């Protein structure tokens, strides 16, 4: 089983995030849930007289980010949980997150800490998934592996309700909260074999497969592969998806 290529998956969303972030040469950026550091590096390269800090809870991702960023002198990475990490107060002029804020156990605490780390007037720009019902990738995985079960909401969709997002951010010290609909496909691999291999590394798939016996697992994998083949195009395997682009200002 391989690892999932999140940077490849989110290529269209990455472009939308960069456009909305509009990084300035003097910005000091905090990238929350930075993964392998693609978004952090891109921001640092635009902030030529500033800096970028990427934070992620995964040691593997942080290690990959550091290796890939050796030629970017104004970027650094910290392996930490952004929910309770003691960021220096009032340091950053821009907060970024590409699908990294939905997994907080206590979003109110997490966003309050992020707000403290940002300077007054600093912007927060983040992408979060909309409701599961808008995610073809989630539906395909669920229907292939556990078609007779009711899908749980899942942590990935914890910030899918605009009212919930506005409430968390307002209570955490942000104002001017806006949500824009972003409707772009996600890429799962260059061909069905790569897409299946990557999909099986996702908790969305592996957790469901773990509860099946050998015969059920074989049938589920056959259904999953067939669904992936149905979504194969000349440039890879694609699924429909929908997200919120959330922007706010540190009050």
Protein backbone atom coordinates (compact mmCIF):
# COMPACT_ATOMS: atom_id res chain seq x y z
CA UNK A 1 0.00 0.00 0.00
CA UNK A 2 1.41 3.38 -1.00
CA UNK A 3 0.98 6.82 0.45
CA UNK A 4 -1.62 9.22 -0.81
CA UNK A 5 -0.51 12.15 -2.99
CA UNK A 6 -2.37 15.01 -1.30
CA UNK A 7 -0.55 17.68 -3.33
CA UNK A 8 -1.62 15.99 -6.54
CA UNK A 9 -5.15 15.47 -5.25
CA UNK A 10 -5.64 19.12 -4.33
CA UNK A 11 -3.94 20.81 -7.28
CA UNK A 12 -7.02 22.82 -8.30
CA UNK A 13 -7.79 23.79 -4.71
CA UNK A 14 -4.18 24.79 -4.15
CA UNK A 15 -4.45 27.30 -6.98
CA UNK A 16 -7.59 28.80 -5.45
CA UNK A 17 -5.95 29.07 -2.02
CA UNK A 18 -2.87 30.81 -3.41
CA UNK A 19 -5.02 33.30 -5.28
CA UNK A 20 -7.05 34.12 -2.17
CA UNK A 21 -3.99 34.31 0.08
CA UNK A 22 -2.32 36.91 -2.14
CA UNK A 23 0.95 36.65 -0.20
CA UNK A 24 2.88 39.92 0.03
CA UNK A 25 6.70 40.21 0.00
CA UNK A 26 6.81 41.21 3.69
CA UNK A 27 4.30 38.67 5.03
CA UNK A 28 5.08 36.33 7.91
CA UNK A 29 2.93 33.27 7.29
CA UNK A 30 1.62 30.56 9.59
CA UNK A 31 0.58 27.44 7.63
CA UNK A 32 -1.64 25.19 9.75
CA UNK A 33 -1.66 21.49 8.89
CA UNK A 34 1.04 22.05 6.28
CA UNK A 35 1.53 18.41 5.31
CA UNK A 36 4.59 17.97 3.10
CA UNK A 37 5.01 21.74 2.92
CA UNK A 38 3.89 22.60 -0.62
CA UNK A 39 1.71 25.49 0.50
CA UNK A 40 4.35 26.71 2.97
CA UNK A 41 7.11 26.75 0.37
CA UNK A 42 4.95 28.55 -2.16
CA UNK A 43 4.08 31.22 0.40
CA UNK A 44 7.70 31.61 1.52
CA UNK A 45 8.89 32.10 -2.04
CA UNK A 46 6.47 35.01 -2.45
CA UNK A 47 7.28 36.48 0.97
CA UNK A 48 10.83 37.30 -0.08
CA UNK A 49 11.35 39.72 2.80
CA UNK A 50 9.23 37.74 5.23
CA UNK A 51 9.01 34.13 6.38
CA UNK A 52 6.77 31.08 6.58
CA UNK A 53 6.26 28.55 9.36
CA UNK A 54 4.56 25.23 8.60
CA UNK A 55 3.04 23.20 11.42
CA UNK A 56 1.78 19.63 11.18
CA UNK A 57 1.15 16.81 13.64
CA UNK A 58 2.68 14.19 11.33
CA UNK A 59 6.40 13.53 11.84
CA UNK A 60 6.57 11.87 8.41
CA UNK A 61 5.06 14.87 6.65
CA UNK A 62 7.31 17.34 8.47
CA UNK A 63 10.39 15.30 7.54
CA UNK A 64 9.34 15.33 3.90
CA UNK A 65 8.64 19.06 4.07
CA UNK A 66 12.11 19.82 5.43
CA UNK A 67 13.85 17.79 2.73
CA UNK A 68 11.81 19.40 -0.05
CA UNK A 69 12.42 22.92 1.30
CA UNK A 70 16.21 22.93 1.62
CA UNK A 71 16.50 25.57 -1.08
CA UNK A 72 13.99 27.93 0.58
CA UNK A 73 15.89 29.86 3.27
CA UNK A 74 12.93 31.70 4.80
CA UNK A 75 10.80 28.65 5.62
CA UNK A 76 10.83 26.35 8.64
CA UNK A 77 8.68 23.53 9.94
CA UNK A 78 7.56 22.35 13.36
CA UNK A 79 6.09 18.97 14.23
CA UNK A 80 3.31 19.95 16.61
CA UNK A 81 -0.42 20.02 17.22
CA UNK A 82 -1.51 23.50 16.19
CA UNK A 83 -4.41 23.24 18.63
CA UNK A 84 -2.19 23.69 21.68
CA UNK A 85 1.21 24.77 20.35
CA UNK A 86 2.52 27.94 22.09
CA UNK A 87 2.90 30.17 19.04
CA UNK A 88 4.58 33.52 19.70
CA UNK A 89 1.89 36.15 20.22
CA UNK A 90 1.12 38.67 17.48
CA UNK A 91 3.82 37.40 15.13
CA UNK A 92 2.15 36.43 11.87
CA UNK A 93 0.52 38.63 9.23
CA UNK A 94 -1.22 35.78 7.40
CA UNK A 95 -2.67 32.44 8.48
CA UNK A 96 -3.13 29.69 5.88
CA UNK A 97 -4.63 26.23 5.91
CA UNK A 98 -5.36 23.85 3.05
CA UNK A 99 -7.79 21.39 4.61
CA UNK A 100 -5.82 21.30 7.87
CA UNK A 101 -8.22 22.79 10.42
CA UNK A 102 -11.09 20.28 10.32
CA UNK A 103 -9.40 17.77 12.62
CA UNK A 104 -9.11 19.86 15.79
CA UNK A 105 -10.58 18.11 18.83
CA UNK A 106 -11.46 21.54 20.24
CA UNK A 107 -11.85 24.03 17.35
CA UNK A 108 -12.67 26.94 19.67
CA UNK A 109 -9.39 26.48 21.55
CA UNK A 110 -7.45 25.95 18.34
CA UNK A 111 -8.76 29.03 16.55
CA UNK A 112 -8.27 31.15 19.67
CA UNK A 113 -4.61 30.11 19.72
CA UNK A 114 -4.24 30.88 16.03
CA UNK A 115 -5.85 34.27 16.59
CA UNK A 116 -3.32 35.05 19.34
CA UNK A 117 -0.49 34.17 16.98
CA UNK A 118 -1.74 36.60 14.32
CA UNK A 119 -1.28 40.34 14.45
CA UNK A 120 -4.40 42.53 14.62
CA UNK A 121 -5.60 43.00 11.05
CA UNK A 122 -3.93 39.82 9.83
CA UNK A 123 -5.95 37.59 7.51
CA UNK A 124 -6.83 33.93 7.93
CA UNK A 125 -7.43 32.03 4.67
CA UNK A 126 -8.43 28.40 4.79
CA UNK A 127 -10.10 25.66 2.80
CA UNK A 128 -12.46 23.17 4.45
CA UNK A 129 -14.65 20.49 2.95
CA UNK A 130 -18.34 21.09 2.49
CA UNK A 131 -20.85 18.46 3.61
CA UNK A 132 -20.13 14.81 2.81
CA UNK A 133 -23.11 14.80 0.42
CA UNK A 134 -21.12 17.09 -1.92
CA UNK A 135 -18.06 14.80 -2.04
CA UNK A 136 -18.16 12.22 -4.80
CA UNK A 137 -14.89 10.68 -3.55
CA UNK A 138 -16.43 10.00 -0.12
CA UNK A 139 -19.62 8.57 -1.62
CA UNK A 140 -17.73 6.24 -3.96
CA UNK A 141 -15.54 4.87 -1.16
CA UNK A 142 -18.52 4.36 1.14
CA UNK A 143 -20.76 2.71 -1.45
CA UNK A 144 -17.99 0.41 -2.65
CA UNK A 145 -16.84 -0.82 0.76
CA UNK A 146 -19.85 -0.58 3.10
CA UNK A 147 -22.89 0.07 0.88
CA UNK A 148 -25.43 -1.06 3.48
CA UNK A 149 -24.23 1.25 6.27
CA UNK A 150 -25.07 4.87 7.03
CA UNK A 151 -21.94 7.02 6.61
CA UNK A 152 -20.78 8.83 9.73
CA UNK A 153 -20.23 12.57 9.48
CA UNK A 154 -16.47 12.20 9.92
CA UNK A 155 -13.88 14.65 11.21
CA UNK A 156 -13.07 15.79 7.68
CA UNK A 157 -16.49 17.46 7.54
CA UNK A 158 -16.50 19.04 11.01
CA UNK A 159 -16.36 22.56 9.52
CA UNK A 160 -18.80 21.97 6.68
CA UNK A 161 -21.60 24.05 8.26
CA UNK A 162 -21.08 27.78 7.56
CA UNK A 163 -22.90 28.73 10.77
CA UNK A 164 -20.52 26.59 12.82
CA UNK A 165 -17.48 28.10 11.10
CA UNK A 166 -18.69 31.66 11.66
CA UNK A 167 -19.41 30.92 15.31
CA UNK A 168 -16.00 29.38 16.04
CA UNK A 169 -14.12 32.20 14.31
CA UNK A 170 -16.18 34.99 15.86
CA UNK A 171 -15.72 33.56 19.37
CA UNK A 172 -11.99 33.15 18.73
CA UNK A 173 -11.27 36.76 17.83
CA UNK A 174 -11.94 37.00 14.11
CA UNK A 175 -14.22 39.36 12.21
CA UNK A 176 -15.42 39.73 8.62
CA UNK A 177 -15.87 35.99 8.15
CA UNK A 178 -16.75 35.05 4.56
CA UNK A 179 -17.31 31.68 2.91
CA UNK A 180 -17.02 31.21 -0.84
CA UNK A 181 -18.14 28.08 -2.66
CA UNK A 182 -15.26 26.29 -4.43
CA UNK A 183 -16.32 23.51 -6.79
CA UNK A 184 -13.30 21.67 -8.20
CA UNK A 185 -12.47 18.02 -8.85
CA UNK A 186 -9.85 16.07 -6.89
CA UNK A 187 -7.18 13.87 -8.50
CA UNK A 188 -6.63 10.38 -7.08
CA UNK A 189 -3.83 9.05 -9.27
CA UNK A 190 -2.37 8.78 -12.75
CA UNK A 191 -4.16 5.50 -13.43
CA UNK A 192 -6.56 3.08 -11.69
CA UNK A 193 -3.75 1.06 -10.08
CA UNK A 194 -2.16 4.15 -8.54
CA UNK A 195 -5.55 5.53 -7.49
CA UNK A 196 -6.57 2.29 -5.79
CA UNK A 197 -3.24 2.03 -4.01
CA UNK A 198 -3.51 5.59 -2.73
CA UNK A 199 -7.16 5.26 -1.74
CA UNK A 200 -6.41 2.22 0.41
CA UNK A 201 -4.00 4.34 2.47
CA UNK A 202 -6.82 6.72 3.44
CA UNK A 203 -8.63 6.24 6.75
CA UNK A 204 -11.90 6.72 4.86
CA UNK A 205 -11.15 3.39 3.14
CA UNK A 206 -8.92 1.49 5.57
CA UNK A 207 -11.21 1.94 8.56
CA UNK A 208 -14.15 0.57 6.59
CA UNK A 209 -12.18 -2.39 5.23
CA UNK A 210 -10.93 -3.28 8.72
CA UNK A 211 -14.42 -4.42 9.74
CA UNK A 212 -14.87 -6.87 6.86
CA UNK A 213 -14.03 -10.55 6.62
CA UNK A 214 -11.87 -11.91 3.77
CA UNK A 215 -14.72 -12.55 1.34
CA UNK A 216 -16.40 -9.23 2.06
CA UNK A 217 -13.07 -7.45 1.64
CA UNK A 218 -12.50 -9.04 -1.77
CA UNK A 219 -15.94 -7.97 -3.00
CA UNK A 220 -15.44 -4.47 -1.61
CA UNK A 221 -12.07 -4.10 -3.33
CA UNK A 222 -13.57 -5.31 -6.61
CA UNK A 223 -16.35 -2.71 -6.33
CA UNK A 224 -13.88 0.01 -5.39
CA UNK A 225 -11.61 -0.75 -8.33
CA UNK A 226 -14.57 -0.76 -10.73
CA UNK A 227 -15.68 2.64 -9.42
CA UNK A 228 -12.18 4.02 -9.82
CA UNK A 229 -11.97 2.72 -13.40
CA UNK A 230 -15.26 4.50 -14.12
CA UNK A 231 -13.61 7.78 -13.10
CA UNK A 232 -10.43 7.28 -15.11
CA UNK A 233 -9.68 9.89 -17.77
CA UNK A 234 -6.69 10.50 -20.01
CA UNK A 235 -5.07 12.64 -17.30
CA UNK A 236 -5.85 10.39 -14.34
CA UNK A 237 -8.61 9.43 -11.93
CA UNK A 238 -10.83 12.33 -10.87
CA UNK A 239 -13.75 12.72 -8.46
CA UNK A 240 -16.10 15.63 -7.93
CA UNK A 241 -15.69 17.64 -4.71
CA UNK A 242 -16.76 20.86 -3.07
CA UNK A 243 -15.17 23.08 -0.43
CA UNK A 244 -15.56 26.36 1.40
CA UNK A 245 -12.88 29.01 1.01
CA UNK A 246 -13.06 30.72 4.40
CA UNK A 247 -11.54 34.16 4.93
CA UNK A 248 -11.49 36.23 8.11
CA UNK A 249 -9.56 39.04 9.77
CA UNK A 250 -7.91 39.01 13.18
CA UNK A 251 -9.92 41.65 15.10
